[in-house]
Amino acid sequence: MPEMDGFVLLERTKDRFPDMPFVMETAVHDGSLIVKAYRDGAYDYVSKPFTSEWLVAAARRALEYRRLKLENRAYQARLFDGAVAAQGETVESAS
């Protein structure tokens, strides 16, 4: 990419779309860059050369991760709403 590298793109993507899993792809085979990618928030890291099946599998895992994360968030919200409602019922019955 002429205007930015993958790490800048990762940072901008995470800032704008924090729930989007980011699969980084590169031709550079440097272990320290892989570690940096994960530390900076990449969900997965695919090195060239790769097959289309490998890339599709990485994308599917990332999308499944996102689905589960959003499902978990919705579940936690329902639990919180239920706890607040139950607390309200306890306060009303104590009056």
N, C-alpha and C. Protein backbone atom coordinates (compact mmCIF):
# COMPACT_ATOMS: atom_id res chain seq x y z
N MET A 1 0.87 -1.17 0.00
CA MET A 1 0.00 0.00 0.00
C MET A 1 0.91 1.23 0.00
N PRO A 2 0.73 2.09 -0.95
CA PRO A 2 1.65 3.22 -1.06
C PRO A 2 1.52 4.27 0.04
N GLU A 3 0.36 4.47 0.60
CA GLU A 3 0.16 5.57 1.55
C GLU A 3 0.29 5.15 3.01
N MET A 4 0.20 3.85 3.30
CA MET A 4 0.30 3.39 4.68
C MET A 4 0.68 1.92 4.68
N ASP A 5 1.15 1.45 5.83
CA ASP A 5 1.43 0.02 5.93
C ASP A 5 0.27 -0.66 6.64
N GLY A 6 0.37 -1.97 6.79
CA GLY A 6 -0.71 -2.74 7.39
C GLY A 6 -0.98 -2.37 8.84
N PHE A 7 0.05 -1.94 9.54
CA PHE A 7 -0.14 -1.58 10.95
C PHE A 7 -0.92 -0.28 11.10
N VAL A 8 -0.71 0.65 10.21
CA VAL A 8 -1.50 1.89 10.22
C VAL A 8 -2.94 1.56 9.86
N LEU A 9 -3.13 0.70 8.86
CA LEU A 9 -4.49 0.29 8.49
C LEU A 9 -5.19 -0.42 9.64
N LEU A 10 -4.46 -1.28 10.35
CA LEU A 10 -5.01 -1.97 11.51
C LEU A 10 -5.45 -0.96 12.57
N GLU A 11 -4.60 0.00 12.87
CA GLU A 11 -4.92 1.01 13.87
C GLU A 11 -6.17 1.81 13.47
N ARG A 12 -6.21 2.25 12.23
CA ARG A 12 -7.36 3.04 11.76
C ARG A 12 -8.63 2.20 11.75
N THR A 13 -8.51 0.96 11.37
CA THR A 13 -9.68 0.08 11.35
C THR A 13 -10.19 -0.15 12.75
N LYS A 14 -9.29 -0.44 13.70
CA LYS A 14 -9.71 -0.69 15.08
C LYS A 14 -10.34 0.56 15.70
N ASP A 15 -9.83 1.74 15.35
CA ASP A 15 -10.41 2.97 15.86
C ASP A 15 -11.83 3.17 15.34
N ARG A 16 -12.01 2.90 14.07
CA ARG A 16 -13.31 3.18 13.43
C ARG A 16 -14.31 2.04 13.61
N PHE A 17 -13.84 0.80 13.59
CA PHE A 17 -14.70 -0.37 13.70
C PHE A 17 -14.14 -1.32 14.76
N PRO A 18 -14.30 -0.99 16.03
CA PRO A 18 -13.64 -1.77 17.08
C PRO A 18 -14.10 -3.23 17.16
N ASP A 19 -15.28 -3.55 16.68
CA ASP A 19 -15.77 -4.93 16.75
C ASP A 19 -15.40 -5.76 15.53
N MET A 20 -14.74 -5.15 14.55
CA MET A 20 -14.39 -5.89 13.34
C MET A 20 -13.09 -6.64 13.56
N PRO A 21 -13.13 -7.97 13.42
CA PRO A 21 -11.87 -8.71 13.50
C PRO A 21 -11.02 -8.42 12.27
N PHE A 22 -9.74 -8.26 12.46
CA PHE A 22 -8.83 -7.84 11.40
C PHE A 22 -7.89 -8.99 11.08
N VAL A 23 -7.91 -9.46 9.85
CA VAL A 23 -6.99 -10.50 9.41
C VAL A 23 -5.90 -9.81 8.59
N MET A 24 -4.69 -9.85 9.10
CA MET A 24 -3.57 -9.20 8.43
C MET A 24 -2.90 -10.19 7.49
N GLU A 25 -2.53 -9.71 6.31
CA GLU A 25 -1.88 -10.53 5.31
C GLU A 25 -0.60 -9.83 4.89
N THR A 26 0.48 -10.62 4.78
CA THR A 26 1.76 -10.01 4.42
C THR A 26 2.68 -11.02 3.75
N ALA A 27 3.65 -10.50 3.05
CA ALA A 27 4.70 -11.33 2.47
C ALA A 27 5.94 -11.33 3.36
N VAL A 28 5.94 -10.53 4.40
CA VAL A 28 7.08 -10.43 5.30
C VAL A 28 6.99 -11.54 6.34
N HIS A 29 8.05 -12.33 6.46
CA HIS A 29 8.07 -13.44 7.41
C HIS A 29 8.98 -13.08 8.57
N ASP A 30 8.46 -12.30 9.48
CA ASP A 30 9.23 -11.82 10.63
C ASP A 30 8.39 -12.04 11.88
N GLY A 31 8.88 -12.90 12.76
CA GLY A 31 8.13 -13.25 13.96
C GLY A 31 7.78 -12.05 14.82
N SER A 32 8.66 -11.06 14.90
CA SER A 32 8.37 -9.88 15.72
C SER A 32 7.20 -9.09 15.14
N LEU A 33 7.05 -9.09 13.82
CA LEU A 33 5.91 -8.40 13.21
C LEU A 33 4.60 -9.13 13.47
N ILE A 34 4.69 -10.46 13.50
CA ILE A 34 3.48 -11.24 13.82
C ILE A 34 3.04 -10.94 15.25
N VAL A 35 3.98 -10.94 16.16
CA VAL A 35 3.67 -10.61 17.57
C VAL A 35 3.09 -9.21 17.66
N LYS A 36 3.68 -8.26 16.97
CA LYS A 36 3.18 -6.88 16.98
C LYS A 36 1.76 -6.82 16.44
N ALA A 37 1.48 -7.54 15.38
CA ALA A 37 0.14 -7.54 14.80
C ALA A 37 -0.90 -8.02 15.82
N TYR A 38 -0.60 -9.11 16.50
CA TYR A 38 -1.53 -9.62 17.52
C TYR A 38 -1.66 -8.65 18.69
N ARG A 39 -0.56 -8.08 19.12
CA ARG A 39 -0.61 -7.12 20.24
C ARG A 39 -1.41 -5.87 19.87
N ASP A 40 -1.32 -5.48 18.59
CA ASP A 40 -2.04 -4.30 18.13
C ASP A 40 -3.51 -4.57 17.84
N GLY A 41 -3.93 -5.83 17.96
CA GLY A 41 -5.35 -6.13 17.82
C GLY A 41 -5.76 -6.94 16.61
N ALA A 42 -4.80 -7.47 15.85
CA ALA A 42 -5.17 -8.32 14.72
C ALA A 42 -5.77 -9.61 15.25
N TYR A 43 -6.81 -10.09 14.59
CA TYR A 43 -7.42 -11.36 14.99
C TYR A 43 -6.57 -12.52 14.47
N ASP A 44 -6.07 -12.39 13.25
CA ASP A 44 -5.28 -13.45 12.64
C ASP A 44 -4.24 -12.83 11.72
N TYR A 45 -3.29 -13.64 11.31
CA TYR A 45 -2.16 -13.18 10.51
C TYR A 45 -1.87 -14.26 9.47
N VAL A 46 -1.96 -13.90 8.20
CA VAL A 46 -1.76 -14.86 7.12
C VAL A 46 -0.55 -14.42 6.31
N SER A 47 0.40 -15.33 6.13
CA SER A 47 1.62 -15.01 5.37
C SER A 47 1.53 -15.57 3.95
N LYS A 48 2.07 -14.78 3.02
CA LYS A 48 2.17 -15.26 1.64
C LYS A 48 3.31 -16.26 1.56
N PRO A 49 3.26 -17.23 0.71
CA PRO A 49 2.12 -17.55 -0.15
C PRO A 49 1.08 -18.32 0.65
N PHE A 50 -0.17 -18.10 0.35
CA PHE A 50 -1.25 -18.82 1.00
C PHE A 50 -2.26 -19.25 -0.07
N THR A 51 -3.04 -20.25 0.28
CA THR A 51 -4.07 -20.71 -0.64
C THR A 51 -5.36 -19.95 -0.37
N SER A 52 -6.24 -19.97 -1.34
CA SER A 52 -7.53 -19.30 -1.13
C SER A 52 -8.30 -19.99 -0.01
N GLU A 53 -8.13 -21.30 0.13
CA GLU A 53 -8.82 -22.02 1.21
C GLU A 53 -8.35 -21.55 2.58
N TRP A 54 -7.06 -21.28 2.69
CA TRP A 54 -6.49 -20.82 3.95
C TRP A 54 -7.04 -19.43 4.30
N LEU A 55 -7.11 -18.56 3.31
CA LEU A 55 -7.64 -17.21 3.54
C LEU A 55 -9.12 -17.25 3.87
N VAL A 56 -9.88 -18.08 3.16
CA VAL A 56 -11.32 -18.21 3.45
C VAL A 56 -11.53 -18.76 4.86
N ALA A 57 -10.72 -19.72 5.26
CA ALA A 57 -10.83 -20.27 6.61
C ALA A 57 -10.54 -19.21 7.66
N ALA A 58 -9.53 -18.37 7.43
CA ALA A 58 -9.22 -17.29 8.37
C ALA A 58 -10.37 -16.30 8.45
N ALA A 59 -10.96 -15.97 7.32
CA ALA A 59 -12.09 -15.04 7.30
C ALA A 59 -13.30 -15.64 8.02
N ARG A 60 -13.55 -16.92 7.81
CA ARG A 60 -14.69 -17.57 8.49
C ARG A 60 -14.49 -17.59 10.00
N ARG A 61 -13.27 -17.90 10.43
CA ARG A 61 -13.00 -17.89 11.88
C ARG A 61 -13.20 -16.49 12.46
N ALA A 62 -12.75 -15.49 11.73
CA ALA A 62 -12.90 -14.11 12.20
C ALA A 62 -14.37 -13.72 12.30
N LEU A 63 -15.15 -14.09 11.29
CA LEU A 63 -16.58 -13.76 11.32
C LEU A 63 -17.31 -14.52 12.42
N GLU A 64 -16.93 -15.76 12.65
CA GLU A 64 -17.55 -16.53 13.74
C GLU A 64 -17.18 -15.92 15.10
N TYR A 65 -15.94 -15.49 15.24
CA TYR A 65 -15.51 -14.81 16.46
C TYR A 65 -16.36 -13.56 16.69
N ARG A 66 -16.56 -12.77 15.64
CA ARG A 66 -17.36 -11.54 15.77
C ARG A 66 -18.80 -11.88 16.15
N ARG A 67 -19.37 -12.91 15.50
CA ARG A 67 -20.74 -13.31 15.82
C ARG A 67 -20.85 -13.71 17.29
N LEU A 68 -19.93 -14.51 17.76
CA LEU A 68 -19.96 -14.95 19.16
C LEU A 68 -19.76 -13.78 20.13
N LYS A 69 -18.88 -12.87 19.76
CA LYS A 69 -18.64 -11.70 20.61
C LYS A 69 -19.90 -10.85 20.74
N LEU A 70 -20.58 -10.61 19.62
CA LEU A 70 -21.81 -9.82 19.66
C LEU A 70 -22.93 -10.57 20.38
N GLU A 71 -23.00 -11.88 20.18
CA GLU A 71 -24.00 -12.70 20.88
C GLU A 71 -23.76 -12.64 22.39
N ASN A 72 -22.50 -12.73 22.80
CA ASN A 72 -22.16 -12.65 24.21
C ASN A 72 -22.54 -11.30 24.79
N ARG A 73 -22.26 -10.23 24.05
CA ARG A 73 -22.61 -8.88 24.50
C ARG A 73 -24.13 -8.75 24.68
N ALA A 74 -24.90 -9.28 23.75
CA ALA A 74 -26.36 -9.22 23.85
C ALA A 74 -26.85 -10.03 25.05
N TYR A 75 -26.25 -11.19 25.28
CA TYR A 75 -26.60 -12.02 26.42
C TYR A 75 -26.31 -11.29 27.73
N GLN A 76 -25.15 -10.65 27.82
CA GLN A 76 -24.80 -9.91 29.02
C GLN A 76 -25.77 -8.75 29.25
N ALA A 77 -26.19 -8.08 28.19
CA ALA A 77 -27.15 -6.99 28.32
C ALA A 77 -28.48 -7.51 28.84
N ARG A 78 -28.92 -8.67 28.34
CA ARG A 78 -30.18 -9.26 28.83
C ARG A 78 -30.06 -9.63 30.30
N LEU A 79 -28.90 -10.17 30.70
CA LEU A 79 -28.70 -10.50 32.11
C LEU A 79 -28.74 -9.25 32.98
N PHE A 80 -28.10 -8.19 32.52
CA PHE A 80 -28.08 -6.94 33.26
C PHE A 80 -29.50 -6.39 33.37
N ASP A 81 -30.24 -6.39 32.26
CA ASP A 81 -31.62 -5.89 32.28
C ASP A 81 -32.48 -6.71 33.23
N GLY A 82 -32.27 -8.03 33.23
CA GLY A 82 -33.02 -8.89 34.15
C GLY A 82 -32.66 -8.62 35.60
N ALA A 83 -31.39 -8.37 35.86
CA ALA A 83 -30.96 -8.08 37.23
C ALA A 83 -31.52 -6.75 37.70
N VAL A 84 -31.56 -5.76 36.82
CA VAL A 84 -32.12 -4.45 37.17
C VAL A 84 -33.62 -4.59 37.44
N ALA A 85 -34.31 -5.37 36.59
CA ALA A 85 -35.74 -5.57 36.78
C ALA A 85 -36.01 -6.30 38.09
N ALA A 86 -35.21 -7.31 38.39
CA ALA A 86 -35.38 -8.05 39.65
C ALA A 86 -35.10 -7.17 40.85
N GLN A 87 -34.13 -6.30 40.73
CA GLN A 87 -33.83 -5.38 41.83
C GLN A 87 -35.00 -4.43 42.05
N GLY A 88 -35.61 -3.97 40.96
CA GLY A 88 -36.77 -3.10 41.06
C GLY A 88 -37.94 -3.78 41.74
N GLU A 89 -38.13 -5.07 41.43
CA GLU A 89 -39.20 -5.84 42.06
C GLU A 89 -38.93 -6.01 43.54
N THR A 90 -37.67 -6.21 43.92
CA THR A 90 -37.31 -6.37 45.33
C THR A 90 -37.57 -5.08 46.10
N VAL A 91 -37.24 -3.95 45.49
CA VAL A 91 -37.46 -2.65 46.14
C VAL A 91 -38.94 -2.39 46.31
N GLU A 92 -39.74 -2.71 45.28
CA GLU A 92 -41.19 -2.49 45.35
C GLU A 92 -41.83 -3.38 46.40
N SER A 93 -41.42 -4.64 46.50
CA SER A 93 -42.02 -5.54 47.47
C SER A 93 -41.62 -5.20 48.90
N ALA A 94 -40.50 -4.53 49.06
CA ALA A 94 -40.04 -4.14 50.41
C ALA A 94 -40.79 -2.90 50.90
N SER A 95 -41.43 -2.15 49.99
CA SER A 95 -42.11 -0.92 50.38
C SER A 95 -43.42 -1.17 51.07
